[in-house]
Amino acid sequence: MKRYMNRPRPIISSWDKLPLLMTTGETSALLDIPEESVRRKCREGKLPAVRIGALYRIDRDALKAMLTGGDRI
């Protein structure tokens, strides 16, 4: 079984409680997709992310706007 499938799915009570810049792991758990898929979507520009060295950080507010605006990932 894949590692991401063993994590409990987070319940978002408030977007404000999430960090401003989320890690690929946090985003993976939030979207319930594998972390490698998150990294690939960041590389392809399908997720609102910034690259810091070798790491990606996903902008919480841009992700929220994208998800609630009806844009598909």
N, C-alpha and C. Protein backbone atom coordinates (compact mmCIF):
# COMPACT_ATOMS: atom_id res chain seq x y z
N MET A 1 0.85 -1.18 0.00
CA MET A 1 0.00 0.00 0.00
C MET A 1 0.90 1.24 0.00
N LYS A 2 0.50 2.23 -0.74
CA LYS A 2 1.28 3.46 -0.82
C LYS A 2 1.28 4.19 0.51
N ARG A 3 2.39 4.86 0.80
CA ARG A 3 2.54 5.55 2.07
C ARG A 3 1.49 6.63 2.28
N TYR A 4 1.15 7.39 1.23
CA TYR A 4 0.20 8.49 1.40
C TYR A 4 -1.19 7.98 1.72
N MET A 5 -1.49 6.74 1.37
CA MET A 5 -2.82 6.20 1.62
C MET A 5 -3.04 5.88 3.09
N ASN A 6 -1.97 5.75 3.86
CA ASN A 6 -2.08 5.41 5.27
C ASN A 6 -2.34 6.62 6.15
N ARG A 7 -2.18 7.82 5.60
CA ARG A 7 -2.39 9.02 6.40
C ARG A 7 -3.87 9.34 6.51
N PRO A 8 -4.30 9.78 7.67
CA PRO A 8 -5.68 10.22 7.78
C PRO A 8 -5.89 11.49 6.97
N ARG A 9 -7.02 11.61 6.33
CA ARG A 9 -7.31 12.79 5.52
C ARG A 9 -7.61 13.96 6.45
N PRO A 10 -6.92 15.08 6.26
CA PRO A 10 -7.14 16.22 7.15
C PRO A 10 -8.52 16.85 6.95
N ILE A 11 -9.07 17.34 8.02
CA ILE A 11 -10.33 18.07 7.95
C ILE A 11 -9.99 19.54 8.06
N ILE A 12 -10.38 20.30 7.05
CA ILE A 12 -10.06 21.72 7.05
C ILE A 12 -11.19 22.46 7.74
N SER A 13 -10.93 22.91 8.96
CA SER A 13 -11.93 23.70 9.66
C SER A 13 -11.79 25.16 9.27
N SER A 14 -10.58 25.55 8.89
CA SER A 14 -10.32 26.91 8.46
C SER A 14 -9.05 26.94 7.63
N TRP A 15 -9.12 27.55 6.46
CA TRP A 15 -7.92 27.68 5.63
C TRP A 15 -6.86 28.51 6.35
N ASP A 16 -7.30 29.41 7.23
CA ASP A 16 -6.36 30.27 7.94
C ASP A 16 -5.45 29.50 8.88
N LYS A 17 -5.85 28.29 9.25
CA LYS A 17 -5.01 27.49 10.16
C LYS A 17 -3.90 26.76 9.42
N LEU A 18 -3.95 26.73 8.09
CA LEU A 18 -2.89 26.12 7.30
C LEU A 18 -1.74 27.11 7.17
N PRO A 19 -0.50 26.62 7.00
CA PRO A 19 0.63 27.54 6.81
C PRO A 19 0.49 28.29 5.48
N LEU A 20 1.05 29.50 5.43
CA LEU A 20 0.99 30.30 4.20
C LEU A 20 1.65 29.59 3.03
N LEU A 21 2.79 28.98 3.29
CA LEU A 21 3.49 28.19 2.28
C LEU A 21 3.51 26.75 2.76
N MET A 22 2.79 25.89 2.08
CA MET A 22 2.67 24.50 2.49
C MET A 22 3.72 23.64 1.80
N THR A 23 4.17 22.60 2.48
CA THR A 23 5.12 21.66 1.89
C THR A 23 4.38 20.74 0.93
N THR A 24 5.15 19.99 0.15
CA THR A 24 4.52 19.03 -0.76
C THR A 24 3.81 17.93 0.04
N GLY A 25 4.34 17.58 1.20
CA GLY A 25 3.69 16.58 2.04
C GLY A 25 2.36 17.05 2.59
N GLU A 26 2.31 18.29 3.05
CA GLU A 26 1.06 18.86 3.55
C GLU A 26 0.02 18.97 2.43
N THR A 27 0.47 19.39 1.26
CA THR A 27 -0.43 19.52 0.12
C THR A 27 -0.91 18.15 -0.34
N SER A 28 -0.02 17.18 -0.30
CA SER A 28 -0.38 15.81 -0.65
C SER A 28 -1.49 15.28 0.25
N ALA A 29 -1.35 15.50 1.54
CA ALA A 29 -2.37 15.04 2.49
C ALA A 29 -3.68 15.80 2.28
N LEU A 30 -3.58 17.09 2.01
CA LEU A 30 -4.78 17.91 1.82
C LEU A 30 -5.56 17.49 0.59
N LEU A 31 -4.85 17.25 -0.52
CA LEU A 31 -5.50 16.90 -1.77
C LEU A 31 -5.73 15.40 -1.92
N ASP A 32 -5.16 14.62 -1.01
CA ASP A 32 -5.29 13.17 -1.02
C ASP A 32 -4.74 12.56 -2.31
N ILE A 33 -3.55 13.04 -2.69
CA ILE A 33 -2.84 12.49 -3.84
C ILE A 33 -1.40 12.23 -3.43
N PRO A 34 -0.67 11.38 -4.17
CA PRO A 34 0.72 11.10 -3.81
C PRO A 34 1.59 12.36 -3.85
N GLU A 35 2.60 12.38 -2.99
CA GLU A 35 3.50 13.54 -2.91
C GLU A 35 4.24 13.75 -4.23
N GLU A 36 4.60 12.67 -4.92
CA GLU A 36 5.27 12.81 -6.21
C GLU A 36 4.36 13.50 -7.23
N SER A 37 3.07 13.26 -7.15
CA SER A 37 2.13 13.94 -8.05
C SER A 37 2.09 15.43 -7.76
N VAL A 38 2.19 15.79 -6.49
CA VAL A 38 2.23 17.21 -6.11
C VAL A 38 3.48 17.86 -6.70
N ARG A 39 4.64 17.19 -6.54
CA ARG A 39 5.88 17.74 -7.10
C ARG A 39 5.79 17.87 -8.62
N ARG A 40 5.23 16.88 -9.29
CA ARG A 40 5.09 16.93 -10.74
C ARG A 40 4.19 18.09 -11.16
N LYS A 41 3.08 18.28 -10.46
CA LYS A 41 2.16 19.37 -10.78
C LYS A 41 2.82 20.74 -10.53
N CYS A 42 3.70 20.80 -9.54
CA CYS A 42 4.45 22.04 -9.29
C CYS A 42 5.40 22.31 -10.45
N ARG A 43 6.13 21.28 -10.88
CA ARG A 43 7.06 21.43 -12.00
C ARG A 43 6.34 21.86 -13.27
N GLU A 44 5.15 21.30 -13.49
CA GLU A 44 4.39 21.60 -14.70
C GLU A 44 3.64 22.93 -14.62
N GLY A 45 3.65 23.56 -13.44
CA GLY A 45 2.96 24.83 -13.28
C GLY A 45 1.47 24.69 -13.04
N LYS A 46 1.02 23.49 -12.70
CA LYS A 46 -0.41 23.26 -12.46
C LYS A 46 -0.81 23.56 -11.02
N LEU A 47 0.16 23.71 -10.14
CA LEU A 47 -0.10 24.12 -8.76
C LEU A 47 0.64 25.42 -8.51
N PRO A 48 0.04 26.34 -7.74
CA PRO A 48 0.68 27.62 -7.45
C PRO A 48 1.81 27.44 -6.44
N ALA A 49 3.02 27.27 -6.93
CA ALA A 49 4.16 26.97 -6.04
C ALA A 49 5.35 27.85 -6.36
N VAL A 50 6.22 27.97 -5.36
CA VAL A 50 7.52 28.61 -5.54
C VAL A 50 8.57 27.56 -5.23
N ARG A 51 9.69 27.67 -5.89
CA ARG A 51 10.78 26.73 -5.65
C ARG A 51 11.83 27.42 -4.80
N ILE A 52 12.18 26.76 -3.72
CA ILE A 52 13.22 27.25 -2.81
C ILE A 52 14.31 26.19 -2.78
N GLY A 53 15.37 26.42 -3.52
CA GLY A 53 16.40 25.40 -3.65
C GLY A 53 15.81 24.22 -4.40
N ALA A 54 15.87 23.04 -3.78
CA ALA A 54 15.32 21.83 -4.40
C ALA A 54 13.89 21.55 -3.92
N LEU A 55 13.37 22.41 -3.07
CA LEU A 55 12.05 22.17 -2.47
C LEU A 55 10.99 23.07 -3.09
N TYR A 56 9.76 22.57 -3.09
CA TYR A 56 8.63 23.37 -3.53
C TYR A 56 7.80 23.76 -2.32
N ARG A 57 7.26 24.96 -2.37
CA ARG A 57 6.30 25.43 -1.36
C ARG A 57 5.08 25.92 -2.11
N ILE A 58 3.92 25.46 -1.66
CA ILE A 58 2.66 25.76 -2.34
C ILE A 58 1.95 26.87 -1.58
N ASP A 59 1.56 27.90 -2.30
CA ASP A 59 0.89 29.06 -1.71
C ASP A 59 -0.53 28.68 -1.31
N ARG A 60 -0.82 28.77 -0.02
CA ARG A 60 -2.12 28.39 0.53
C ARG A 60 -3.27 29.17 -0.10
N ASP A 61 -3.14 30.48 -0.16
CA ASP A 61 -4.23 31.31 -0.65
C ASP A 61 -4.48 31.11 -2.14
N ALA A 62 -3.40 30.95 -2.91
CA ALA A 62 -3.57 30.70 -4.35
C ALA A 62 -4.19 29.32 -4.59
N LEU A 63 -3.81 28.34 -3.77
CA LEU A 63 -4.39 27.00 -3.89
C LEU A 63 -5.88 27.04 -3.54
N LYS A 64 -6.22 27.77 -2.49
CA LYS A 64 -7.63 27.90 -2.10
C LYS A 64 -8.44 28.54 -3.22
N ALA A 65 -7.90 29.62 -3.80
CA ALA A 65 -8.60 30.32 -4.88
C ALA A 65 -8.77 29.39 -6.09
N MET A 66 -7.74 28.61 -6.37
CA MET A 66 -7.80 27.69 -7.49
C MET A 66 -8.84 26.59 -7.26
N LEU A 67 -8.88 26.05 -6.05
CA LEU A 67 -9.81 24.96 -5.74
C LEU A 67 -11.25 25.45 -5.63
N THR A 68 -11.46 26.60 -5.07
CA THR A 68 -12.83 27.10 -4.90
C THR A 68 -13.33 27.82 -6.14
N GLY A 69 -12.41 28.19 -7.04
CA GLY A 69 -12.79 28.87 -8.25
C GLY A 69 -13.20 27.93 -9.36
N GLY A 70 -13.07 26.63 -9.11
CA GLY A 70 -13.49 25.67 -10.11
C GLY A 70 -12.38 25.24 -11.06
N ASP A 71 -11.16 25.79 -10.92
CA ASP A 71 -10.05 25.36 -11.76
C ASP A 71 -9.68 23.94 -11.39
N ARG A 72 -9.31 23.15 -12.38
CA ARG A 72 -8.93 21.77 -12.12
C ARG A 72 -7.42 21.67 -11.94
N ILE A 73 -7.03 20.73 -11.11
CA ILE A 73 -5.59 20.48 -10.89
C ILE A 73 -5.10 19.52 -11.94
